[in-house]
Amino acid sequence: MKNNTIRLDAFKPKSSDHILLDTNILLDLFYPLNFESTNNPYETLYANLLREKSHLLISSIQISEFINRCIRLQFNLYQEAVHNPALKFKKDYRSTDDYREKMKAILDIVTTDISENFIFVDDGFSRMNRRNIFRYGFSYDFNDSLLVEMARQYQAILVTNDADYANYGTGFQIVTSNKFLLMCN
């Protein structure tokens, strides 16, 4: 099986498509750090996916990674704001009003923006090929490995901008604007 990588600007979603958005895309769409950028091609893709009524799949892995990365970003901003890089996340930050306020906002995004437009799916961990999950020899990310296996299981198209996905073999489709991934096709 070949890994089929499609340029983002050439991808035309259909209602029959099953789509998995990598956490980097979820962050870009729902928790952007750069508000000055007005031309986000992934926002255009997301609007097209909604318009075409493509099946947007999401698992607990993706939601967990999204929440954890968002709150860690807020923690880093908090450390800078209080000028104390020695603060510890669990010990010092989780008891603050800032944490409670930011976590509430993050959960609001998950429940109103993500949950309303995505289909919750099981990750199927017990059915995954262990040789595909635990891979050696490159910059390994367990969550990326699981997402690839989910893409294979659901015959879903993985939308990502993460070059690391070039390391996970074949048998799944990627939609991306990442030049390295496109060269590896």
Foldseek 3Di string as FASTA:
>chain_A
DAAAEAELVPDQDALAAEEEEALVLVCVQQPDPDPPDPDDSSVVVVVRCVVRNHAYEDEPLSLVVNLVVQLVVQVVVVCVVVVHPPDDCPPGPCVDPSSVVSSVVSVCCCVPVPVVRHDYDYLPVVPFDPPLQDDDDDDDDNSLSSVVRSCQVVVHEYEDQDLVNLPRDHRHYYYYNHPNVVVSD
